[in-house]
């Protein structure tokens, strides 16, 4: 897909869309150990509360925002939800602001999320995953970003491009191209936003063996890479699975084959950096075929411990711009692109700070700094053509590329060297809870009330 007339559409319409954020976080006690108490009753029933639920474990809270028409609205609402949740936890309990877990008990003490009879399938699915992948790997947490263009924008683009297919096929092709390119280039998002460089000894030995340093408190960390959540030891399928992204039919055919081969139990068990999302989430593959791709879900982002909601606004602005660039970017025809992309993804996650590390670009070795700088320069050019003003955002990312000390992983490394993995994150988590409490004191009751009706929070005395 090559778009020749995108520049004729106003930037405001290109930037319009539907935006949502999902965030998983463990609940930790003040000493850094996993909280083993049930999902807090203050958040209501995890099956019926649409925005505060659990993920794999009773100890793992998940926040899911409603969808919004602008990224700023989504981010502001997500930040407020994080404040509401964090400030509503018991006095000596905190959200764990890190994608790699806190101090874990023996695996059989980690509580899998419990459901009533209505949620029996959800509970069995989690139990099966625990047997297949191990309970501790399930405790890895992160941030997901849901995005779609407006249908009005896509319809206008469809008309001016004179696309030789139905609108549904055109819409699918737009998201498939973004998906293919995102898989090729998500190594850059890992470098720019990665912030999971340590592990306590109670976590997986797979990750610990990849780390080159040890603190004085029973934890390990790496001086070489920014994101062990995205590393080879992260939560990934047991074997490499490369479905076709040439069409929705080809994708669904391949995923069905994975299920028939017992590689997957169902479609949502395919763990990729980006997902094609259907209109009907209860029947993923049939809905993708019948209704087309509804939106895409980005799954690369680590929890950022330096901010009270685990997420940074200008990083989200860049990711939104990056997805537009993925639509514009000409595709390579290199046949082994998915295999190469996975190698790059894991090499960056584990060794981005090692000067000798090289990426593969269509079979040829290239440095991270040179390739990343090329991408940012192309994004500058795209913004100029499309009339987009994002110079500040791009300059921030270019600075991180030129100077790794500005990355979140390197900033975290300095703290862990001084205070250790657990102590560092408990200090950050406690500070973030204080920030959330203070934030709530400074907002209008009306704004907070709008979200409280979703969250079902009974905040007495506020």
Protein backbone atom coordinates (compact mmCIF):
# COMPACT_ATOMS: atom_id res chain seq x y z
CA UNK A 1 0.00 0.00 0.00
CA UNK A 2 1.47 3.31 -1.15
CA UNK A 3 -0.56 6.42 -0.28
CA UNK A 4 -0.06 9.27 -2.74
CA UNK A 5 -2.69 11.77 -1.59
CA UNK A 6 -2.50 11.74 2.21
CA UNK A 7 -1.01 15.24 2.24
CA UNK A 8 -4.25 16.65 0.81
CA UNK A 9 -6.07 15.84 4.07
CA UNK A 10 -5.73 18.36 6.96
CA UNK A 11 -3.42 17.31 9.79
CA UNK A 12 -6.28 17.65 12.29
CA UNK A 13 -8.17 14.89 10.47
CA UNK A 14 -5.11 12.65 10.23
CA UNK A 15 -4.59 13.02 13.99
CA UNK A 16 -8.23 12.34 14.84
CA UNK A 17 -9.07 8.89 16.10
CA UNK A 18 -10.14 6.71 18.99
CA UNK A 19 -7.73 6.26 21.89
CA UNK A 20 -7.63 4.01 24.93
CA UNK A 21 -5.05 2.94 27.51
CA UNK A 22 -4.75 -0.28 29.53
CA UNK A 23 -2.36 -0.65 32.43
CA UNK A 24 -1.50 -3.68 34.56
CA UNK A 25 0.25 -3.26 37.90
CA UNK A 26 0.97 -5.51 40.85
CA UNK A 27 -0.04 -4.54 44.37
CA UNK A 28 2.97 -4.58 46.70
CA UNK A 29 3.34 -4.22 50.45
CA UNK A 30 5.61 -1.59 51.96
CA UNK A 31 8.56 -3.98 52.14
CA UNK A 32 8.37 -4.79 48.42
CA UNK A 33 6.64 -8.17 48.79
CA UNK A 34 3.63 -9.05 46.67
CA UNK A 35 0.33 -8.31 48.39
CA UNK A 36 -1.61 -11.57 48.63
CA UNK A 37 -4.96 -10.05 49.63
CA UNK A 38 -7.97 -10.37 47.29
CA UNK A 39 -8.76 -7.70 44.71
CA UNK A 40 -9.84 -4.68 46.81
CA UNK A 41 -13.58 -4.63 47.43
CA UNK A 42 -13.59 -0.85 46.94
CA UNK A 43 -13.32 -1.45 43.18
CA UNK A 44 -16.44 -3.59 43.03
CA UNK A 45 -16.91 -6.79 41.02
CA UNK A 46 -13.98 -7.44 38.68
CA UNK A 47 -16.37 -8.92 36.10
CA UNK A 48 -18.72 -5.94 35.97
CA UNK A 49 -16.43 -2.97 36.65
CA UNK A 50 -15.49 -1.77 33.15
CA UNK A 51 -12.36 0.15 34.11
CA UNK A 52 -10.78 -1.43 37.20
CA UNK A 53 -10.37 -5.19 37.17
CA UNK A 54 -7.67 -7.82 37.54
CA UNK A 55 -5.43 -9.37 34.95
CA UNK A 56 -3.91 -12.79 35.70
CA UNK A 57 -3.71 -12.53 39.48
CA UNK A 58 -5.84 -11.23 42.33
CA UNK A 59 -2.72 -9.19 43.14
CA UNK A 60 -2.56 -7.61 39.67
CA UNK A 61 -4.82 -4.63 39.08
CA UNK A 62 -5.72 -3.62 35.54
CA UNK A 63 -7.01 -0.18 34.60
CA UNK A 64 -8.87 0.10 31.28
CA UNK A 65 -9.95 3.54 30.14
CA UNK A 66 -13.05 4.21 28.11
CA UNK A 67 -12.23 5.29 24.55
CA UNK A 68 -11.73 8.99 23.81
CA UNK A 69 -11.59 11.11 20.69
CA UNK A 70 -8.20 12.64 21.49
CA UNK A 71 -5.01 11.30 22.98
CA UNK A 72 -4.93 14.13 25.52
CA UNK A 73 -8.38 13.16 26.83
CA UNK A 74 -7.34 9.50 27.07
CA UNK A 75 -4.11 10.35 28.86
CA UNK A 76 -5.72 12.81 31.30
CA UNK A 77 -8.45 10.34 32.18
CA UNK A 78 -5.98 7.48 32.54
CA UNK A 79 -3.79 9.59 34.81
CA UNK A 80 -6.79 10.44 36.98
CA UNK A 81 -7.87 6.80 37.13
CA UNK A 82 -4.37 5.83 38.24
CA UNK A 83 -4.55 8.47 40.98
CA UNK A 84 -7.95 7.22 42.14
CA UNK A 85 -6.81 3.60 42.24
CA UNK A 86 -3.43 4.25 43.86
CA UNK A 87 -4.83 6.52 46.55
CA UNK A 88 -7.60 4.01 47.35
CA UNK A 89 -5.28 1.17 48.32
CA UNK A 90 -4.72 0.42 52.02
CA UNK A 91 -2.14 2.51 53.87
CA UNK A 92 0.72 0.00 53.57
CA UNK A 93 -0.06 -1.14 50.02
CA UNK A 94 1.19 0.38 46.77
CA UNK A 95 1.01 -0.04 43.05
CA UNK A 96 4.31 -1.58 41.94
CA UNK A 97 5.72 0.83 39.36
CA UNK A 98 7.76 -1.66 37.38
CA UNK A 99 6.97 -4.24 34.68
CA UNK A 100 9.19 -6.93 36.23
CA UNK A 101 7.64 -8.20 39.48
CA UNK A 102 8.34 -7.27 43.09
CA UNK A 103 9.35 -9.89 45.68
CA UNK A 104 7.29 -12.99 44.88
CA UNK A 105 6.31 -15.86 47.19
CA UNK A 106 6.61 -19.49 46.13
CA UNK A 107 4.74 -19.99 42.88
CA UNK A 108 1.89 -21.91 44.52
CA UNK A 109 1.18 -18.96 46.84
CA UNK A 110 0.57 -16.47 44.01
CA UNK A 111 -3.23 -16.04 43.83
CA UNK A 112 -4.77 -16.55 40.39
CA UNK A 113 -7.72 -14.23 39.81
CA UNK A 114 -10.88 -15.75 41.25
CA UNK A 115 -14.28 -15.43 39.59
CA UNK A 116 -17.85 -16.41 40.34
CA UNK A 117 -19.64 -18.97 38.17
CA UNK A 118 -20.20 -16.29 35.53
CA UNK A 119 -16.44 -15.92 35.10
CA UNK A 120 -15.64 -19.63 35.14
CA UNK A 121 -14.12 -19.55 31.63
CA UNK A 122 -11.86 -16.61 32.54
CA UNK A 123 -10.58 -18.43 35.60
CA UNK A 124 -9.94 -21.70 33.74
CA UNK A 125 -8.08 -19.80 30.99
CA UNK A 126 -5.76 -18.30 33.62
CA UNK A 127 -5.22 -21.66 35.28
CA UNK A 128 -4.27 -23.21 31.93
CA UNK A 129 -1.83 -20.38 31.22
CA UNK A 130 -0.24 -20.89 34.63
CA UNK A 131 0.39 -24.56 33.82
CA UNK A 132 1.77 -23.75 30.38
CA UNK A 133 3.98 -20.71 31.04
CA UNK A 134 4.47 -20.75 34.81
CA UNK A 135 2.79 -18.48 37.33
CA UNK A 136 5.71 -16.09 37.81
CA UNK A 137 5.94 -15.12 34.12
CA UNK A 138 2.26 -14.13 34.30
CA UNK A 139 3.16 -11.44 36.81
CA UNK A 140 5.02 -9.37 34.21
CA UNK A 141 2.97 -6.20 33.68
CA UNK A 142 2.87 -3.40 31.13
CA UNK A 143 0.96 -0.70 29.29
CA UNK A 144 -1.20 -1.22 26.20
CA UNK A 145 -2.26 1.55 23.82
CA UNK A 146 -5.40 1.11 21.71
CA UNK A 147 -5.75 3.19 18.57
CA UNK A 148 -7.85 3.61 15.45
CA UNK A 149 -8.31 6.34 12.88
CA UNK A 150 -11.79 7.79 12.46
CA UNK A 151 -13.90 6.16 9.77
CA UNK A 152 -14.47 9.66 8.37
CA UNK A 153 -10.73 10.05 7.77
CA UNK A 154 -10.40 6.56 6.29
CA UNK A 155 -13.41 7.09 4.02
CA UNK A 156 -11.95 10.33 2.70
CA UNK A 157 -8.57 8.65 2.14
CA UNK A 158 -10.29 5.72 0.42
CA UNK A 159 -12.03 8.05 -2.00
CA UNK A 160 -9.04 10.18 -2.94
CA UNK A 161 -6.76 7.16 -3.37
CA UNK A 162 -9.25 5.46 -5.75
CA UNK A 163 -8.47 2.19 -4.01
CA UNK A 164 -9.34 -0.89 -6.07
CA UNK A 165 -11.14 -2.81 -3.31
CA UNK A 166 -14.06 -2.44 -0.91
CA UNK A 167 -13.84 0.05 1.95
CA UNK A 168 -13.61 -2.80 4.46
CA UNK A 169 -10.64 -4.25 2.56
CA UNK A 170 -9.02 -0.81 2.39
CA UNK A 171 -9.47 -0.27 6.13
CA UNK A 172 -7.97 -3.70 6.79
CA UNK A 173 -5.03 -2.91 4.52
CA UNK A 174 -4.35 0.34 6.40
CA UNK A 175 -4.10 -1.46 9.75
CA UNK A 176 -2.22 -4.41 8.28
CA UNK A 177 0.43 -2.11 6.84
CA UNK A 178 0.82 -0.31 10.17
CA UNK A 179 1.09 -3.71 11.88
CA UNK A 180 3.76 -5.04 9.52
CA UNK A 181 5.84 -1.90 9.80
CA UNK A 182 5.36 -1.66 13.56
CA UNK A 183 6.69 -5.18 13.99
CA UNK A 184 9.72 -4.20 11.91
CA UNK A 185 10.44 -1.04 13.90
CA UNK A 186 9.13 -1.64 17.42
CA UNK A 187 12.75 -2.09 18.56
CA UNK A 188 12.90 1.71 18.53
CA UNK A 189 9.96 2.03 20.94
CA UNK A 190 11.67 -0.51 23.21
CA UNK A 191 14.83 1.61 23.26
CA UNK A 192 13.04 4.93 23.78
CA UNK A 193 10.60 3.82 26.49
CA UNK A 194 12.17 0.66 27.99
CA UNK A 195 12.44 0.74 31.77
CA UNK A 196 12.67 -2.82 33.09
CA UNK A 197 16.33 -3.53 33.80
CA UNK A 198 16.25 -5.45 37.10
CA UNK A 199 14.79 -8.48 38.82
CA UNK A 200 14.49 -9.82 42.33
CA UNK A 201 15.92 -13.29 42.93
CA UNK A 202 12.38 -14.65 43.44
CA UNK A 203 11.53 -14.06 39.77
CA UNK A 204 12.46 -16.18 36.75
CA UNK A 205 16.01 -17.48 36.37
CA UNK A 206 15.62 -17.00 32.62
CA UNK A 207 15.83 -13.23 33.14
CA UNK A 208 18.36 -13.29 35.98
CA UNK A 209 20.83 -15.23 33.82
CA UNK A 210 20.74 -12.42 31.25
CA UNK A 211 21.67 -9.76 33.81
CA UNK A 212 25.30 -8.84 34.46
CA UNK A 213 25.16 -7.18 37.89
CA UNK A 214 23.89 -7.88 41.41
CA UNK A 215 22.90 -5.47 44.17
CA UNK A 216 23.40 -5.92 47.92
CA UNK A 217 19.75 -6.80 48.59
CA UNK A 218 19.11 -10.05 46.73
CA UNK A 219 18.33 -8.61 43.30
CA UNK A 220 19.96 -8.47 39.89
CA UNK A 221 20.10 -5.86 37.16
CA UNK A 222 21.54 -5.24 33.74
CA UNK A 223 23.86 -2.45 32.61
CA UNK A 224 23.38 -3.50 28.98
CA UNK A 225 19.74 -3.26 27.97
CA UNK A 226 16.56 -1.24 28.70
CA UNK A 227 13.69 -3.75 28.75
CA UNK A 228 13.77 -7.30 30.05
CA UNK A 229 10.00 -7.42 29.77
CA UNK A 230 10.60 -7.37 26.01
CA UNK A 231 13.68 -9.60 26.15
CA UNK A 232 13.93 -13.27 25.22
CA UNK A 233 13.02 -14.10 28.84
CA UNK A 234 9.79 -12.07 28.75
CA UNK A 235 6.27 -13.44 28.59
CA UNK A 236 6.22 -14.89 25.08
CA UNK A 237 4.82 -17.90 23.25
CA UNK A 238 6.74 -21.12 23.81
CA UNK A 239 7.73 -21.26 20.15
CA UNK A 240 8.21 -18.56 17.52
CA UNK A 241 4.94 -18.04 15.64
CA UNK A 242 4.88 -15.92 12.49
CA UNK A 243 1.36 -15.53 11.08
CA UNK A 244 0.92 -13.86 7.72
CA UNK A 245 -0.12 -10.21 7.82
CA UNK A 246 -0.73 -10.01 4.08
CA UNK A 247 -4.49 -10.10 4.59
CA UNK A 248 -7.05 -10.77 7.29
CA UNK A 249 -7.90 -14.09 5.65
CA UNK A 250 -4.26 -15.17 5.67
CA UNK A 251 -3.81 -14.06 9.29
CA UNK A 252 -6.90 -15.86 10.59
CA UNK A 253 -6.01 -18.99 8.60
CA UNK A 254 -2.56 -19.13 10.19
CA UNK A 255 -3.83 -18.50 13.71
CA UNK A 256 -6.44 -21.25 13.29
CA UNK A 257 -3.58 -23.53 12.26
CA UNK A 258 -1.63 -22.61 15.41
CA UNK A 259 -4.68 -23.53 17.48
CA UNK A 260 -5.17 -26.84 15.64
CA UNK A 261 -1.49 -27.64 16.22
CA UNK A 262 -1.94 -26.96 19.96
CA UNK A 263 0.55 -24.09 19.82
CA UNK A 264 -2.24 -21.80 21.09
CA UNK A 265 -5.38 -22.48 23.07
CA UNK A 266 -7.18 -19.56 21.41
CA UNK A 267 -6.38 -16.46 19.36
CA UNK A 268 -5.72 -14.14 22.29
CA UNK A 269 -2.84 -16.36 23.39
CA UNK A 270 -0.79 -15.09 20.42
CA UNK A 271 1.58 -12.69 22.19
CA UNK A 272 2.82 -10.09 19.74
CA UNK A 273 3.99 -6.48 20.02
CA UNK A 274 0.86 -5.35 18.19
CA UNK A 275 -2.54 -6.98 17.89
CA UNK A 276 -5.34 -6.76 15.33
CA UNK A 277 -8.50 -6.18 17.36
CA UNK A 278 -11.99 -7.21 16.20
CA UNK A 279 -15.42 -5.77 16.72
CA UNK A 280 -16.43 -8.83 18.76
CA UNK A 281 -13.66 -9.72 21.26
CA UNK A 282 -15.45 -12.95 22.23
CA UNK A 283 -15.03 -14.39 18.73
CA UNK A 284 -11.75 -12.88 17.53
CA UNK A 285 -11.02 -14.73 14.32
CA UNK A 286 -14.54 -14.92 12.91
CA UNK A 287 -15.15 -11.27 13.78
CA UNK A 288 -11.94 -10.20 12.05
CA UNK A 289 -13.03 -12.05 8.92
CA UNK A 290 -16.65 -10.88 8.97
CA UNK A 291 -16.33 -7.34 10.33
CA UNK A 292 -12.72 -6.41 9.59
CA UNK A 293 -10.11 -4.85 11.86
CA UNK A 294 -11.68 -2.47 14.37
CA UNK A 295 -8.49 -1.06 15.92
CA UNK A 296 -4.92 -1.99 16.81
CA UNK A 297 -3.38 -2.60 20.24
CA UNK A 298 0.25 -1.67 20.95
CA UNK A 299 1.75 -3.88 23.67
CA UNK A 300 5.40 -2.73 23.82
CA UNK A 301 5.39 -0.17 26.63
CA UNK A 302 6.97 -0.85 30.00
CA UNK A 303 5.55 0.72 33.15
CA UNK A 304 7.49 3.93 33.74
CA UNK A 305 8.34 4.23 37.48
CA UNK A 306 9.25 7.91 37.23
CA UNK A 307 5.65 9.08 36.74
CA UNK A 308 2.64 8.61 38.98
CA UNK A 309 0.58 6.90 36.26
CA UNK A 310 3.43 4.82 34.84
CA UNK A 311 3.21 6.63 31.54
CA UNK A 312 4.58 9.84 29.99
CA UNK A 313 2.47 12.13 27.81
CA UNK A 314 5.19 13.00 25.29
CA UNK A 315 6.00 9.30 24.86
CA UNK A 316 2.36 8.70 23.96
CA UNK A 317 2.42 11.66 21.56
CA UNK A 318 5.47 10.14 19.88
CA UNK A 319 3.86 6.70 19.68
CA UNK A 320 0.78 8.20 18.00
CA UNK A 321 3.01 10.01 15.50
CA UNK A 322 5.05 6.83 15.01
CA UNK A 323 1.91 4.90 14.01
CA UNK A 324 1.10 7.52 11.40
CA UNK A 325 4.67 7.16 10.15
CA UNK A 326 4.15 3.37 10.00
CA UNK A 327 1.28 4.03 7.60
CA UNK A 328 3.36 6.36 5.42
CA UNK A 329 6.63 4.38 5.55
CA UNK A 330 7.48 2.37 2.43
CA UNK A 331 7.75 -1.33 3.20
CA UNK A 332 10.75 -3.53 2.65
CA UNK A 333 10.26 -6.69 0.59
CA UNK A 334 12.84 -8.65 2.61
CA UNK A 335 11.26 -12.15 2.93
CA UNK A 336 12.42 -12.99 6.48
CA UNK A 337 11.29 -9.70 7.95
CA UNK A 338 9.39 -11.19 10.91
CA UNK A 339 12.32 -13.34 12.00
CA UNK A 340 14.66 -10.38 11.64
CA UNK A 341 12.28 -8.13 13.56
CA UNK A 342 12.22 -10.54 16.51
CA UNK A 343 16.03 -10.68 16.59
CA UNK A 344 16.18 -6.86 16.63
CA UNK A 345 13.47 -6.61 19.27
CA UNK A 346 15.31 -8.90 21.68
CA UNK A 347 18.79 -7.55 20.93
CA UNK A 348 17.66 -4.00 21.69
CA UNK A 349 15.81 -5.09 24.83
CA UNK A 350 18.86 -6.94 26.17
CA UNK A 351 21.87 -5.07 24.72
CA UNK A 352 20.93 -1.62 23.39
CA UNK A 353 23.56 0.07 25.59
CA UNK A 354 26.40 -2.11 24.27
CA UNK A 355 28.30 -0.21 21.59
CA UNK A 356 29.12 -3.35 19.62
CA UNK A 357 25.45 -4.42 19.34
CA UNK A 358 24.17 -4.36 15.76
CA UNK A 359 20.69 -4.49 14.29
CA UNK A 360 19.76 -6.29 11.08
CA UNK A 361 18.20 -4.24 8.28
CA UNK A 362 17.25 -6.52 5.39
CA UNK A 363 20.09 -8.85 6.25
CA UNK A 364 22.73 -6.12 6.66
CA UNK A 365 24.19 -5.00 9.99
CA UNK A 366 23.60 -1.41 11.09
CA UNK A 367 24.06 0.52 14.36
CA UNK A 368 21.06 1.47 16.45
CA UNK A 369 22.00 5.14 16.52
CA UNK A 370 22.35 5.49 12.77
CA UNK A 371 19.13 3.64 11.93
CA UNK A 372 17.12 5.37 14.65
CA UNK A 373 18.40 8.78 13.53
CA UNK A 374 17.37 7.94 9.96
CA UNK A 375 13.86 7.14 11.17
CA UNK A 376 13.53 10.38 13.16
CA UNK A 377 14.77 12.38 10.18
CA UNK A 378 12.18 10.68 7.96
CA UNK A 379 9.52 11.54 10.56
CA UNK A 380 10.62 15.19 10.43
CA UNK A 381 10.15 15.05 6.67
CA UNK A 382 6.72 13.43 7.00
CA UNK A 383 5.61 16.11 9.46
CA UNK A 384 6.70 18.85 7.06
CA UNK A 385 4.76 17.32 4.16
CA UNK A 386 1.63 16.66 6.21
CA UNK A 387 1.68 20.00 8.04
CA UNK A 388 2.23 18.42 11.47
CA UNK A 389 4.05 20.39 14.16
CA UNK A 390 5.78 17.87 16.45
CA UNK A 391 9.34 19.24 16.46
CA UNK A 392 9.56 19.22 20.27
CA UNK A 393 8.52 15.57 20.56
CA UNK A 394 10.93 14.47 17.84
CA UNK A 395 13.78 16.48 19.38
CA UNK A 396 13.26 14.70 22.73
CA UNK A 397 13.53 11.31 21.05
CA UNK A 398 16.55 12.32 18.96
CA UNK A 399 18.31 13.40 22.16
CA UNK A 400 17.66 9.97 23.72
CA UNK A 401 19.11 8.31 20.65
CA UNK A 402 22.24 10.44 20.68
CA UNK A 403 22.72 10.13 24.45
CA UNK A 404 21.59 6.85 26.09
CA UNK A 405 22.05 8.44 29.55
CA UNK A 406 18.78 10.27 28.86
CA UNK A 407 16.81 7.02 28.47
CA UNK A 408 14.62 5.75 31.30
CA UNK A 409 16.63 2.55 31.56
CA UNK A 410 19.90 4.40 32.13
CA UNK A 411 18.29 6.79 34.60
CA UNK A 412 16.92 3.82 36.53
CA UNK A 413 20.31 2.11 36.44
CA UNK A 414 21.89 4.93 38.45
CA UNK A 415 19.26 4.56 41.17
CA UNK A 416 19.49 0.78 41.37
CA UNK A 417 23.28 0.93 41.66
CA UNK A 418 22.86 3.14 44.74
CA UNK A 419 19.82 1.66 46.48
CA UNK A 420 19.13 -1.74 44.89
CA UNK A 421 16.22 -2.94 42.75
CA UNK A 422 13.54 -3.38 45.43
CA UNK A 423 14.45 -0.31 47.52
CA UNK A 424 14.55 1.92 44.45
CA UNK A 425 11.12 0.86 43.28
CA UNK A 426 9.55 1.06 46.72
CA UNK A 427 10.83 4.63 47.05
CA UNK A 428 9.37 5.46 43.62
CA UNK A 429 6.10 3.64 44.32
CA UNK A 430 5.62 5.40 47.67
CA UNK A 431 6.38 8.78 46.10
CA UNK A 432 3.94 8.06 43.27
CA UNK A 433 1.20 7.23 45.78
CA UNK A 434 1.83 10.54 47.59
CA UNK A 435 1.67 12.33 44.25
CA UNK A 436 -1.65 10.65 43.43
CA UNK A 437 -3.13 11.66 46.78
CA UNK A 438 -1.98 15.25 46.30
CA UNK A 439 -3.28 15.33 42.72
CA UNK A 440 -6.75 14.38 43.87
CA UNK A 441 -6.78 17.28 46.32
CA UNK A 442 -6.21 19.69 43.47
CA UNK A 443 -8.85 18.64 40.95
CA UNK A 444 -12.47 19.62 40.59
CA UNK A 445 -14.98 17.24 42.17
CA UNK A 446 -16.99 17.22 38.93
CA UNK A 447 -14.11 15.88 36.87
CA UNK A 448 -13.26 13.24 39.43
CA UNK A 449 -16.90 12.30 39.85
CA UNK A 450 -17.31 11.48 36.18
CA UNK A 451 -14.72 8.75 36.48
CA UNK A 452 -15.76 7.59 39.92
CA UNK A 453 -19.07 6.45 38.50
CA UNK A 454 -17.11 4.12 36.23
CA UNK A 455 -14.64 2.99 38.85
CA UNK A 456 -17.30 2.44 41.53
CA UNK A 457 -15.03 3.93 44.18
CA UNK A 458 -16.52 4.69 47.58
CA UNK A 459 -13.94 7.19 48.76
CA UNK A 460 -15.11 8.14 52.23
CA UNK A 461 -14.13 11.57 53.50
CA UNK A 462 -13.03 12.98 50.18
